N, C-alpha and C. Protein backbone atom coordinates (compact mmCIF):
# COMPACT_ATOMS: atom_id res chain seq x y z
N MET A 1 37.90 -11.43 109.08
CA MET A 1 38.12 -10.26 109.48
C MET A 1 37.48 -9.26 108.37
N ALA A 2 36.44 -8.86 108.38
CA ALA A 2 35.86 -7.97 107.17
C ALA A 2 36.02 -6.50 107.47
N VAL A 3 36.53 -5.80 106.67
CA VAL A 3 36.80 -4.56 106.59
C VAL A 3 35.68 -3.70 105.79
N PRO A 4 34.83 -2.90 106.16
CA PRO A 4 33.84 -2.12 105.63
C PRO A 4 34.42 -1.41 104.44
N LEU A 5 33.53 -1.23 103.32
CA LEU A 5 34.15 -0.48 102.21
C LEU A 5 34.38 0.96 102.51
N ALA A 6 33.51 1.68 103.52
CA ALA A 6 33.60 2.94 103.76
C ALA A 6 35.00 3.47 104.31
N ARG A 7 35.57 2.46 104.99
CA ARG A 7 36.94 2.73 105.71
C ARG A 7 38.06 2.50 104.76
N LEU A 8 37.98 1.94 103.81
CA LEU A 8 39.04 1.72 102.70
C LEU A 8 39.37 3.13 102.11
N SER A 9 40.75 3.45 101.91
CA SER A 9 40.81 4.60 101.25
C SER A 9 41.20 4.22 99.77
N LEU A 10 40.42 4.71 98.89
CA LEU A 10 40.86 4.42 97.40
C LEU A 10 41.61 5.49 96.74
N PRO A 11 42.54 5.41 95.99
CA PRO A 11 43.13 6.56 95.33
C PRO A 11 42.20 7.24 94.33
N ARG A 12 42.36 8.54 94.27
CA ARG A 12 41.51 9.27 93.49
C ARG A 12 42.21 9.29 92.08
N SER A 13 41.37 9.04 91.11
CA SER A 13 41.90 8.97 89.78
C SER A 13 40.70 9.48 88.78
N PRO A 14 41.04 9.85 87.61
CA PRO A 14 40.12 10.41 86.65
C PRO A 14 39.10 9.33 86.40
N SER A 15 39.62 7.97 86.30
CA SER A 15 38.84 6.88 85.80
C SER A 15 37.70 6.55 86.87
N LEU A 16 38.00 6.81 88.19
CA LEU A 16 37.04 6.65 89.14
C LEU A 16 36.24 7.94 89.37
N ALA A 17 35.03 8.09 88.81
CA ALA A 17 34.21 9.28 88.95
C ALA A 17 33.34 9.15 90.17
N VAL A 18 33.41 10.19 90.91
CA VAL A 18 32.33 10.11 92.08
C VAL A 18 31.29 11.28 91.64
N SER A 19 30.13 10.84 91.93
CA SER A 19 28.93 11.62 91.57
C SER A 19 28.89 12.74 92.56
N ALA A 20 28.27 13.88 92.23
CA ALA A 20 28.41 15.32 93.05
C ALA A 20 27.81 15.01 94.40
N GLY A 21 26.60 14.20 94.60
CA GLY A 21 25.86 13.99 95.74
C GLY A 21 26.54 12.85 96.56
N ALA A 22 27.57 12.36 96.08
CA ALA A 22 28.01 11.04 96.78
C ALA A 22 29.08 11.23 97.60
N LYS A 23 29.32 12.45 98.04
CA LYS A 23 30.51 12.77 99.07
C LYS A 23 30.08 12.08 100.43
N ASN A 24 28.92 12.13 100.86
CA ASN A 24 28.66 11.66 102.31
C ASN A 24 28.15 10.22 102.20
N ARG A 25 28.00 9.57 100.90
CA ARG A 25 27.58 8.17 100.87
C ARG A 25 28.86 7.25 101.12
N PRO A 26 28.45 5.95 101.33
CA PRO A 26 29.49 5.00 101.64
C PRO A 26 30.21 4.67 100.27
N ALA A 27 31.41 4.18 100.25
CA ALA A 27 32.26 4.10 99.14
C ALA A 27 31.69 2.98 98.10
N ALA A 28 30.76 2.27 98.57
CA ALA A 28 30.07 1.19 97.65
C ALA A 28 29.35 1.81 96.57
N SER A 29 28.99 3.12 96.85
CA SER A 29 28.17 3.94 95.75
C SER A 29 28.99 4.54 94.56
N LEU A 30 30.33 4.29 94.53
CA LEU A 30 31.24 4.83 93.51
C LEU A 30 30.74 4.31 92.26
N THR A 31 30.78 5.20 91.23
CA THR A 31 30.31 4.75 89.90
C THR A 31 31.81 4.43 89.18
N PHE A 32 31.88 3.09 88.60
CA PHE A 32 33.01 2.86 87.87
C PHE A 32 32.57 2.81 86.35
N PRO A 33 33.54 2.93 85.50
CA PRO A 33 33.17 2.76 84.09
C PRO A 33 32.86 1.22 83.62
N ALA A 34 31.91 1.14 82.87
CA ALA A 34 31.24 -0.07 82.51
C ALA A 34 32.52 -0.93 81.95
N LYS A 35 32.68 -2.14 82.19
CA LYS A 35 33.80 -2.97 81.78
C LYS A 35 33.22 -4.51 81.32
N SER A 36 33.60 -4.90 80.41
CA SER A 36 33.25 -6.29 79.85
C SER A 36 34.02 -7.36 80.84
N PHE A 37 33.49 -8.49 80.72
CA PHE A 37 34.10 -9.62 81.49
C PHE A 37 35.79 -9.71 81.54
N PHE A 38 36.24 -9.21 80.27
CA PHE A 38 37.66 -9.34 80.11
C PHE A 38 38.31 -8.09 80.55
N GLY A 39 37.61 -7.04 80.96
CA GLY A 39 38.28 -5.54 81.30
C GLY A 39 38.31 -4.63 80.41
N ALA A 40 37.89 -4.90 79.04
CA ALA A 40 37.90 -4.19 78.08
C ALA A 40 36.67 -3.23 78.14
N PRO A 41 36.63 -1.82 77.82
CA PRO A 41 35.45 -1.09 78.03
C PRO A 41 34.34 -1.39 76.98
N LEU A 42 33.20 -1.34 77.42
CA LEU A 42 32.11 -1.84 76.57
C LEU A 42 31.89 -0.64 75.58
N ALA A 43 30.88 -0.76 74.62
CA ALA A 43 30.98 0.10 73.71
C ALA A 43 30.00 1.39 74.06
N ALA A 44 29.41 1.41 75.34
CA ALA A 44 28.74 2.57 75.71
C ALA A 44 29.68 3.66 76.29
N THR A 45 30.85 3.17 76.59
CA THR A 45 31.88 4.17 77.08
C THR A 45 32.45 4.62 75.80
N ALA A 46 32.94 5.93 76.06
CA ALA A 46 33.51 6.82 74.90
C ALA A 46 35.18 6.51 74.94
N VAL A 47 35.61 5.69 74.40
CA VAL A 47 36.93 5.09 74.28
C VAL A 47 37.52 5.33 72.99
N SER A 48 38.50 6.08 72.59
CA SER A 48 39.13 6.24 71.29
C SER A 48 40.07 5.28 71.09
N VAL A 49 40.01 4.30 70.11
CA VAL A 49 41.17 3.43 69.87
C VAL A 49 41.71 3.74 68.57
N ALA A 50 43.24 3.91 68.87
CA ALA A 50 43.84 4.45 67.45
C ALA A 50 44.10 3.14 66.47
N SER A 51 43.77 3.31 65.16
CA SER A 51 43.95 2.31 64.23
C SER A 51 45.39 2.12 63.96
N PRO A 52 45.76 0.86 63.71
CA PRO A 52 47.15 0.65 63.43
C PRO A 52 47.45 1.00 62.02
N LEU A 53 46.42 1.14 61.28
CA LEU A 53 46.71 1.62 59.90
C LEU A 53 46.65 2.98 59.52
N PRO A 54 47.44 3.75 59.03
CA PRO A 54 47.43 5.27 58.91
C PRO A 54 46.23 5.51 57.86
N ARG A 55 45.46 6.65 58.24
CA ARG A 55 44.28 6.97 57.41
C ARG A 55 44.71 7.99 56.40
N ASN A 56 44.31 7.93 54.92
CA ASN A 56 44.56 8.83 54.04
C ASN A 56 43.58 9.94 54.25
N PRO A 57 44.12 11.26 54.52
CA PRO A 57 43.21 12.33 54.48
C PRO A 57 42.50 12.61 53.19
N ALA A 58 42.98 12.23 52.23
CA ALA A 58 42.33 12.51 50.80
C ALA A 58 41.11 11.52 50.80
N ASN A 59 40.99 10.48 51.19
CA ASN A 59 39.91 9.38 51.19
C ASN A 59 39.22 9.60 52.56
N SER A 60 39.03 10.56 53.27
CA SER A 60 38.46 10.67 54.54
C SER A 60 37.08 10.64 54.73
N SER A 61 36.38 10.19 53.56
CA SER A 61 34.83 10.05 53.72
C SER A 61 34.44 9.07 54.50
N PRO A 62 33.17 9.00 55.03
CA PRO A 62 32.59 8.10 55.95
C PRO A 62 32.96 6.61 55.41
N LEU A 63 33.10 5.69 56.31
CA LEU A 63 33.47 4.37 55.82
C LEU A 63 32.09 3.83 55.26
N ALA A 64 31.99 2.99 54.20
CA ALA A 64 30.74 2.51 53.84
C ALA A 64 30.82 0.97 54.11
N VAL A 65 29.95 0.46 54.81
CA VAL A 65 30.20 -1.13 54.96
C VAL A 65 29.60 -1.82 53.72
N VAL A 66 30.32 -2.48 53.16
CA VAL A 66 29.94 -3.37 52.04
C VAL A 66 29.76 -4.77 52.44
N ALA A 67 28.73 -5.41 52.16
CA ALA A 67 28.42 -6.84 52.46
C ALA A 67 29.26 -7.56 51.53
N ALA A 68 30.01 -8.63 51.93
CA ALA A 68 30.78 -9.53 51.18
C ALA A 68 29.64 -10.31 50.59
N GLY A 69 30.05 -10.48 49.18
CA GLY A 69 29.04 -11.51 48.38
C GLY A 69 29.24 -12.95 48.73
N LYS A 70 28.22 -13.69 48.83
CA LYS A 70 28.13 -14.91 49.12
C LYS A 70 28.89 -15.89 48.31
N LYS A 71 29.94 -16.63 48.47
CA LYS A 71 30.71 -17.41 47.62
C LYS A 71 30.00 -18.68 47.17
N GLY A 72 29.12 -18.97 48.13
CA GLY A 72 28.31 -20.41 48.02
C GLY A 72 29.13 -21.40 48.37
N TYR A 73 28.63 -22.54 48.05
CA TYR A 73 29.22 -23.86 48.58
C TYR A 73 30.52 -24.23 47.73
N LYS A 74 31.27 -24.92 48.27
CA LYS A 74 32.41 -25.58 47.56
C LYS A 74 32.01 -26.66 46.80
N MET A 75 32.53 -26.87 45.64
CA MET A 75 32.03 -27.83 44.82
C MET A 75 32.88 -29.09 45.23
N LYS A 76 32.22 -30.31 45.29
CA LYS A 76 32.91 -31.39 45.91
C LYS A 76 33.47 -32.38 44.70
N THR A 77 34.52 -32.97 44.84
CA THR A 77 35.09 -34.11 43.86
C THR A 77 34.48 -35.31 44.14
N HIS A 78 33.87 -35.92 43.22
CA HIS A 78 33.27 -37.24 43.37
C HIS A 78 34.73 -38.14 43.34
N LYS A 79 35.00 -38.73 44.53
CA LYS A 79 36.28 -39.39 44.78
C LYS A 79 36.40 -40.79 44.02
N ALA A 80 35.45 -41.33 43.58
CA ALA A 80 35.52 -42.53 42.90
C ALA A 80 35.63 -42.21 41.41
N SER A 81 35.23 -41.09 40.92
CA SER A 81 35.46 -40.66 39.54
C SER A 81 37.01 -40.23 39.55
N ALA A 82 37.39 -39.57 40.61
CA ALA A 82 38.93 -39.22 40.56
C ALA A 82 39.81 -40.30 40.57
N LYS A 83 39.34 -41.45 40.89
CA LYS A 83 40.26 -42.63 40.76
C LYS A 83 40.34 -43.45 39.59
N ARG A 84 39.38 -43.02 38.71
CA ARG A 84 39.03 -43.64 37.36
C ARG A 84 39.54 -42.85 36.31
N PHE A 85 39.73 -41.55 36.39
CA PHE A 85 39.97 -40.63 35.21
C PHE A 85 41.25 -39.92 35.40
N ARG A 86 41.85 -39.56 34.43
CA ARG A 86 43.19 -38.83 34.45
C ARG A 86 43.09 -37.90 33.22
N VAL A 87 44.16 -36.88 33.57
CA VAL A 87 44.05 -35.88 32.39
C VAL A 87 45.54 -35.96 31.91
N THR A 88 45.63 -35.94 30.49
CA THR A 88 46.96 -35.93 29.91
C THR A 88 47.46 -34.45 30.02
N GLY A 89 48.81 -34.39 29.32
CA GLY A 89 49.38 -33.14 29.31
C GLY A 89 48.75 -32.02 28.44
N ARG A 90 48.00 -32.60 27.30
CA ARG A 90 47.46 -31.92 26.53
C ARG A 90 45.94 -31.33 26.94
N GLY A 91 45.49 -31.99 28.08
CA GLY A 91 44.11 -31.74 28.64
C GLY A 91 43.12 -32.85 28.10
N LYS A 92 43.44 -33.92 27.60
CA LYS A 92 42.40 -34.93 27.27
C LYS A 92 42.15 -35.80 28.49
N ILE A 93 40.87 -36.21 28.73
CA ILE A 93 40.42 -37.06 29.78
C ILE A 93 40.78 -38.64 29.32
N VAL A 94 41.32 -39.33 30.17
CA VAL A 94 41.65 -40.71 29.71
C VAL A 94 41.22 -41.60 30.80
N ARG A 95 40.81 -42.84 30.32
CA ARG A 95 40.34 -43.97 31.32
C ARG A 95 41.03 -45.23 30.88
N ARG A 96 40.69 -46.24 31.88
CA ARG A 96 41.26 -47.58 31.60
C ARG A 96 40.14 -48.36 30.89
N CYS A 97 40.43 -49.27 30.08
CA CYS A 97 39.51 -50.19 29.42
C CYS A 97 38.73 -51.12 30.29
N ALA A 98 37.58 -51.57 30.22
CA ALA A 98 36.88 -52.55 30.93
C ALA A 98 37.21 -53.99 30.41
N GLY A 99 37.28 -55.03 31.30
CA GLY A 99 37.51 -56.42 31.06
C GLY A 99 38.79 -56.79 31.26
N LYS A 100 39.39 -56.18 32.17
CA LYS A 100 40.83 -56.69 32.35
C LYS A 100 41.15 -56.91 33.90
N GLN A 101 40.01 -57.19 34.54
CA GLN A 101 39.95 -57.53 36.06
C GLN A 101 40.23 -59.04 36.38
N HIS A 102 39.26 -59.77 35.65
CA HIS A 102 39.19 -61.31 36.02
C HIS A 102 38.68 -61.90 34.77
N LEU A 103 38.65 -63.42 34.96
CA LEU A 103 38.51 -64.14 33.81
C LEU A 103 39.42 -63.88 32.58
N LEU A 104 40.81 -63.89 32.89
CA LEU A 104 41.78 -63.49 32.03
C LEU A 104 42.13 -64.64 31.34
N GLY A 105 41.91 -65.96 31.85
CA GLY A 105 42.47 -67.29 31.17
C GLY A 105 42.00 -67.43 29.83
N LYS A 106 40.86 -67.04 29.54
CA LYS A 106 40.07 -67.20 28.31
C LYS A 106 40.35 -66.24 27.26
N LYS A 107 41.00 -65.11 27.69
CA LYS A 107 41.39 -64.09 26.84
C LYS A 107 42.74 -64.26 26.31
N ASN A 108 43.05 -64.04 25.05
CA ASN A 108 44.39 -64.30 24.35
C ASN A 108 45.20 -63.03 24.82
N THR A 109 46.50 -63.14 24.69
CA THR A 109 47.51 -62.17 24.90
C THR A 109 47.36 -60.86 24.27
N LYS A 110 46.86 -60.88 23.00
CA LYS A 110 46.73 -59.59 22.18
C LYS A 110 45.58 -59.04 22.71
N ARG A 111 44.56 -59.58 23.15
CA ARG A 111 43.35 -58.95 23.78
C ARG A 111 43.60 -58.37 24.94
N LYS A 112 44.35 -59.03 25.81
CA LYS A 112 44.78 -58.36 27.10
C LYS A 112 45.81 -57.29 26.96
N LYS A 113 46.61 -57.26 26.01
CA LYS A 113 47.59 -56.21 25.86
C LYS A 113 46.67 -55.02 25.38
N ARG A 114 45.72 -55.21 24.41
CA ARG A 114 44.85 -54.01 24.10
C ARG A 114 44.14 -53.40 25.30
N LEU A 115 43.51 -54.27 26.04
CA LEU A 115 42.76 -53.74 27.23
C LEU A 115 43.50 -53.01 28.35
N SER A 116 44.97 -53.22 28.28
CA SER A 116 45.67 -52.66 29.36
C SER A 116 45.93 -51.07 28.83
N LYS A 117 45.93 -50.63 27.78
CA LYS A 117 45.95 -49.28 27.54
C LYS A 117 45.01 -48.45 27.96
N MET A 118 45.49 -47.15 28.12
CA MET A 118 44.42 -46.01 28.51
C MET A 118 43.88 -45.56 27.20
N VAL A 119 42.55 -45.34 27.16
CA VAL A 119 41.90 -44.76 25.99
C VAL A 119 41.15 -43.44 26.34
N GLN A 120 41.02 -42.64 25.56
CA GLN A 120 40.26 -41.41 25.71
C GLN A 120 38.94 -41.46 25.85
N VAL A 121 38.50 -40.67 26.74
CA VAL A 121 36.94 -40.64 27.01
C VAL A 121 36.24 -39.97 25.89
N ASN A 122 35.10 -40.44 25.53
CA ASN A 122 34.34 -39.87 24.46
C ASN A 122 34.06 -38.53 24.48
N LYS A 123 34.03 -37.66 23.59
CA LYS A 123 33.66 -36.27 23.85
C LYS A 123 32.21 -36.18 24.34
N SER A 124 31.48 -36.85 24.03
CA SER A 124 30.06 -36.75 24.64
C SER A 124 29.74 -37.01 25.97
N ASP A 125 30.78 -37.66 26.65
CA ASP A 125 30.79 -37.79 28.05
C ASP A 125 31.64 -36.97 28.74
N TYR A 126 32.28 -35.97 28.34
CA TYR A 126 33.04 -34.97 28.95
C TYR A 126 32.25 -34.37 30.00
N ASP A 127 30.94 -33.76 29.65
CA ASP A 127 30.16 -33.29 30.54
C ASP A 127 29.91 -33.98 31.87
N ASN A 128 29.75 -35.25 31.78
CA ASN A 128 29.38 -36.21 32.93
C ASN A 128 30.73 -36.23 33.61
N VAL A 129 31.90 -36.33 33.06
CA VAL A 129 33.10 -36.45 33.93
C VAL A 129 33.38 -35.13 34.58
N THR A 130 33.38 -33.89 33.87
CA THR A 130 33.84 -32.74 34.42
C THR A 130 32.67 -32.31 35.60
N GLY A 131 31.45 -32.80 35.35
CA GLY A 131 30.44 -32.59 36.52
C GLY A 131 30.87 -33.36 37.71
N ALA A 132 31.50 -34.60 37.68
CA ALA A 132 31.97 -35.12 38.77
C ALA A 132 33.25 -34.85 39.48
N LEU A 133 33.88 -34.04 38.55
CA LEU A 133 35.42 -33.65 38.73
C LEU A 133 35.37 -32.18 38.47
N PRO A 134 34.85 -31.34 39.35
CA PRO A 134 35.00 -29.88 38.77
C PRO A 134 36.25 -29.18 38.68
N TYR A 135 37.13 -29.77 39.49
CA TYR A 135 38.58 -29.04 39.61
C TYR A 135 39.38 -29.68 38.41
N LEU A 136 39.09 -30.57 37.63
CA LEU A 136 39.86 -31.03 36.47
C LEU A 136 40.28 -30.04 35.54
N LYS A 137 41.33 -29.96 35.25
CA LYS A 137 41.88 -29.01 34.10
C LYS A 137 41.67 -29.58 32.81
N VAL A 138 40.59 -29.39 32.23
CA VAL A 138 40.36 -30.18 30.86
C VAL A 138 40.35 -29.11 29.71
N ASN A 139 41.07 -29.54 28.37
CA ASN A 139 41.15 -28.79 27.26
C ASN A 139 40.04 -29.32 26.46
N ARG A 140 39.05 -28.75 26.27
CA ARG A 140 37.90 -29.17 25.53
C ARG A 140 38.14 -29.15 24.02
N LYS A 141 39.07 -28.21 23.54
CA LYS A 141 39.48 -28.23 22.15
C LYS A 141 40.74 -29.30 21.82
N ALA A 142 41.03 -30.07 22.71
CA ALA A 142 42.11 -31.05 22.48
C ALA A 142 41.60 -32.18 21.59
N ASP A 143 42.42 -32.70 20.68
CA ASP A 143 41.98 -33.73 19.58
C ASP A 143 41.46 -34.96 20.46
């Protein structure tokens, strides 16, 4: 059962504006305010939205849009280097000695004990290590 739109009685409200010459036209020609898909008014309609933040009348100059500066890319940590280097409490970079992984039968105990200790990375290699580990907190002035 279809009811024609002309016979429907729509309540008159200020939001439903009827044009001047539309009194004799069918109800389908009513002009409604433009709405977006979600029911919010589009930018073409003049709707004032109150800001939740109070405005300071002393600084009531027109708002200037400032483009946010580009921060660039995040520096990435080289994960293999992160597993090999540590920083001491004083900010020195230390590493393990090479030669303690395999073929230990022919190495004497004194040599294996010496290779077990952590040693400081040479100062000339600090740039290489800090390049691979950008967030490492290094004290370059440490002895």
